[in-house]
Protein backbone atom coordinates (compact mmCIF):
# COMPACT_ATOMS: atom_id res chain seq x y z
CA UNK A 1 106.62 -43.16 -82.49
CA UNK A 2 110.01 -41.84 -83.58
CA UNK A 3 111.64 -39.44 -81.21
CA UNK A 4 113.39 -36.38 -82.56
CA UNK A 5 117.10 -36.34 -81.81
CA UNK A 6 118.01 -34.18 -78.86
CA UNK A 7 120.37 -31.31 -79.48
CA UNK A 8 122.97 -30.51 -76.88
CA UNK A 9 122.81 -26.92 -75.68
CA UNK A 10 126.40 -26.32 -76.79
CA UNK A 11 125.32 -27.03 -80.39
CA UNK A 12 122.66 -24.32 -80.43
CA UNK A 13 123.31 -21.06 -82.25
CA UNK A 14 123.90 -17.85 -80.36
CA UNK A 15 120.51 -16.60 -81.56
CA UNK A 16 118.70 -19.56 -80.00
CA UNK A 17 120.75 -19.28 -76.82
CA UNK A 18 119.97 -15.56 -76.56
CA UNK A 19 116.25 -16.26 -76.96
CA UNK A 20 116.46 -18.85 -74.17
CA UNK A 21 118.61 -16.60 -71.98
CA UNK A 22 116.00 -13.86 -72.29
CA UNK A 23 113.57 -16.34 -70.75
CA UNK A 24 115.97 -16.73 -67.82
CA UNK A 25 117.33 -20.10 -68.97
CA UNK A 26 120.46 -20.51 -66.82
CA UNK A 27 121.90 -23.22 -69.08
CA UNK A 28 121.64 -20.93 -72.11
CA UNK A 29 123.41 -18.13 -70.25
CA UNK A 30 126.13 -20.54 -69.16
CA UNK A 31 126.56 -21.78 -72.75
CA UNK A 32 126.91 -18.20 -74.04
CA UNK A 33 129.41 -17.49 -71.28
CA UNK A 34 131.47 -20.61 -72.03
CA UNK A 35 131.41 -19.94 -75.78
CA UNK A 36 132.65 -16.35 -75.61
CA UNK A 37 134.65 -15.96 -72.39
CA UNK A 38 138.09 -16.84 -73.79
CA UNK A 39 137.89 -14.35 -76.63
CA UNK A 40 136.46 -11.70 -74.31
CA UNK A 41 139.37 -12.30 -71.92
CA UNK A 42 141.99 -12.06 -74.68
CA UNK A 43 140.56 -8.75 -75.86
CA UNK A 44 140.31 -7.32 -72.34
CA UNK A 45 143.81 -8.49 -71.43
CA UNK A 46 145.33 -6.89 -74.50
CA UNK A 47 143.49 -3.67 -73.80
CA UNK A 48 144.33 -3.55 -70.09
CA UNK A 49 147.68 -5.33 -69.93
CA UNK A 50 146.83 -7.08 -66.68
CA UNK A 51 145.26 -10.49 -66.17
CA UNK A 52 143.31 -9.57 -63.02
CA UNK A 53 141.97 -6.33 -64.49
CA UNK A 54 140.96 -8.25 -67.62
CA UNK A 55 139.11 -10.87 -65.58
CA UNK A 56 137.26 -8.09 -63.74
CA UNK A 57 136.39 -6.39 -67.04
CA UNK A 58 135.08 -9.64 -68.52
CA UNK A 59 132.99 -10.35 -65.44
CA UNK A 60 131.57 -6.81 -65.50
CA UNK A 61 130.92 -7.10 -69.23
CA UNK A 62 129.06 -10.38 -68.94
CA UNK A 63 126.95 -9.01 -66.10
CA UNK A 64 126.14 -5.95 -68.24
CA UNK A 65 125.36 -8.10 -71.27
CA UNK A 66 123.01 -10.42 -69.42
CA UNK A 67 121.28 -7.58 -67.58
CA UNK A 68 120.78 -5.74 -70.89
CA UNK A 69 119.86 -8.76 -72.98
CA UNK A 70 116.40 -7.36 -73.67
CA UNK A 71 117.96 -4.36 -75.45
CA UNK A 72 120.08 -6.57 -77.74
CA UNK A 73 118.55 -6.21 -81.20
CA UNK A 74 120.43 -9.04 -82.88
CA UNK A 75 122.26 -6.87 -85.41
CA UNK A 76 125.75 -8.15 -85.93
CA UNK A 77 125.25 -11.08 -83.60
CA UNK A 78 125.80 -11.67 -79.90
CA UNK A 79 129.58 -12.08 -80.26
CA UNK A 80 130.06 -8.60 -81.71
CA UNK A 81 127.66 -7.04 -79.23
CA UNK A 82 129.52 -8.67 -76.34
CA UNK A 83 132.92 -7.63 -77.72
CA UNK A 84 131.66 -4.04 -77.92
CA UNK A 85 130.65 -4.23 -74.24
CA UNK A 86 134.00 -5.83 -73.32
CA UNK A 87 135.94 -3.19 -75.24
CA UNK A 88 134.02 -0.30 -73.68
CA UNK A 89 134.23 -1.80 -70.20
CA UNK A 90 137.97 -2.43 -70.54
CA UNK A 91 138.62 1.07 -71.88
CA UNK A 92 136.59 2.59 -69.04
CA UNK A 93 138.49 0.49 -66.53
CA UNK A 94 141.80 1.44 -68.12
CA UNK A 95 140.95 5.12 -67.85
CA UNK A 96 140.12 4.70 -64.16
CA UNK A 97 143.37 2.88 -63.42
CA UNK A 98 146.25 3.56 -65.73
CA UNK A 99 147.15 0.63 -67.98
CA UNK A 100 149.72 -1.57 -66.31
CA UNK A 101 152.42 -3.58 -68.01
CA UNK A 102 151.29 -7.16 -68.45
CA UNK A 103 153.09 -9.90 -66.57
CA UNK A 104 153.33 -13.27 -68.33
CA UNK A 105 150.08 -15.22 -68.30
CA UNK A 106 149.72 -17.71 -65.49
CA UNK A 107 150.43 -21.18 -66.80
CA UNK A 108 151.95 -19.78 -70.00
CA UNK A 109 154.70 -22.06 -71.24
CA UNK A 110 158.16 -20.62 -71.00
CA UNK A 111 158.98 -22.05 -74.41
CA UNK A 112 156.75 -23.53 -77.04
CA UNK A 113 159.63 -24.79 -79.14
CA UNK A 114 160.95 -28.31 -79.24
CA UNK A 115 164.58 -27.26 -78.78
CA UNK A 116 164.16 -26.83 -75.00
CA UNK A 117 166.31 -23.69 -75.08
CA UNK A 118 165.51 -21.71 -71.89
CA UNK A 119 166.94 -18.57 -73.50
CA UNK A 120 164.35 -18.80 -76.25
CA UNK A 121 161.56 -18.82 -73.65
CA UNK A 122 163.01 -15.68 -72.07
CA UNK A 123 163.22 -14.09 -75.53
CA UNK A 124 159.51 -14.85 -76.02
CA UNK A 125 158.71 -13.25 -72.67
CA UNK A 126 160.72 -10.20 -73.76
CA UNK A 127 158.76 -10.14 -77.01
CA UNK A 128 155.43 -10.30 -75.16
CA UNK A 129 156.54 -7.50 -72.84
CA UNK A 130 157.69 -5.36 -75.79
CA UNK A 131 154.39 -5.92 -77.59
CA UNK A 132 152.39 -5.07 -74.47
CA UNK A 133 154.40 -1.88 -73.97
CA UNK A 134 153.94 -0.91 -77.63
CA UNK A 135 150.20 -1.55 -77.39
CA UNK A 136 150.05 0.55 -74.22
CA UNK A 137 151.50 3.47 -76.16
CA UNK A 138 148.53 3.45 -78.58
CA UNK A 139 145.47 5.58 -77.89
CA UNK A 140 142.60 3.57 -76.39
CA UNK A 141 140.47 3.69 -79.57
CA UNK A 142 143.33 2.69 -81.86
CA UNK A 143 144.42 -0.04 -79.44
CA UNK A 144 140.87 -1.42 -79.19
CA UNK A 145 140.48 -1.52 -82.96
CA UNK A 146 143.86 -3.18 -83.44
CA UNK A 147 143.22 -5.76 -80.71
CA UNK A 148 139.87 -6.72 -82.26
CA UNK A 149 141.68 -7.15 -85.59
CA UNK A 150 144.88 -8.88 -84.46
CA UNK A 151 143.74 -10.79 -81.36
CA UNK A 152 140.16 -11.68 -82.28
CA UNK A 153 140.64 -11.91 -86.02
CA UNK A 154 137.59 -9.80 -86.80
CA UNK A 155 137.23 -8.40 -90.31
CA UNK A 156 137.12 -4.66 -90.94
CA UNK A 157 133.37 -4.92 -91.42
CA UNK A 158 132.91 -6.84 -88.17
CA UNK A 159 135.02 -4.32 -86.25
CA UNK A 160 133.03 -1.46 -87.77
CA UNK A 161 129.82 -3.12 -86.56
CA UNK A 162 131.28 -3.86 -83.15
CA UNK A 163 132.52 -0.30 -82.64
CA UNK A 164 129.68 1.37 -84.55
CA UNK A 165 132.07 3.31 -86.80
CA UNK A 166 132.56 3.43 -90.60
CA UNK A 167 134.89 0.88 -92.20
CA UNK A 168 137.17 3.73 -93.27
CA UNK A 169 137.67 4.63 -89.61
CA UNK A 170 138.60 1.02 -88.84
CA UNK A 171 141.08 0.95 -91.71
CA UNK A 172 142.59 4.25 -90.59
CA UNK A 173 142.94 3.08 -86.98
CA UNK A 174 144.56 -0.24 -87.96
CA UNK A 175 146.96 1.56 -90.28
CA UNK A 176 147.84 4.03 -87.52
CA UNK A 177 148.40 1.16 -85.08
CA UNK A 178 150.67 -0.67 -87.51
CA UNK A 179 152.68 2.48 -88.19
CA UNK A 180 153.09 3.25 -84.48
CA UNK A 181 153.97 -0.36 -83.63
CA UNK A 182 156.57 -0.43 -86.40
CA UNK A 183 158.11 2.77 -85.05
CA UNK A 184 158.11 1.46 -81.48
CA UNK A 185 159.27 -2.12 -81.92
CA UNK A 186 162.74 -3.22 -82.99
CA UNK A 187 161.70 -5.52 -85.84
CA UNK A 188 165.20 -6.81 -86.52
CA UNK A 189 165.46 -8.09 -82.95
CA UNK A 190 161.96 -9.56 -83.13
CA UNK A 191 162.74 -11.44 -86.38
CA UNK A 192 165.51 -13.28 -84.54
CA UNK A 193 162.92 -14.77 -82.16
CA UNK A 194 161.21 -16.83 -84.88
């Protein structure tokens, strides 16, 4: 008798993992968590500007997602559904506690260049701080749309599905974010950091 090859849980699709997670399969829930936590954290951090607040928002979001898994209808996929929950949770959290300026990420390299110029690392930290401050100046909806586009790399269509808005609204929000960021940031100074 020939045995069918075993498939590692990490190789299963989100749809299969969701089906298993609905049956209280802890390994499936863990696989979904591992697969999507980094992106969820990046989105929450960009929306909130603080690592600890972002971690709290991601934890709250994952708890909400797993407790509401039965209501997930599969449209758009688990990733988009989770990012919607993360975005809403982060925005709610940000409204409760004003958005704080983001300190550098823990463990973030001071410089990712090979020239070992400490001044360049400081310039990059200044750039990150300037970007975080510019993002903080955006309205929560525009910031969320822009973060999903720029940080997560979602298409306009995917963002529209995630935020449950028309594509035209997504395009308008991203355009508004770009315009505001261009007004806020000193692009000539930023070009020198390349």
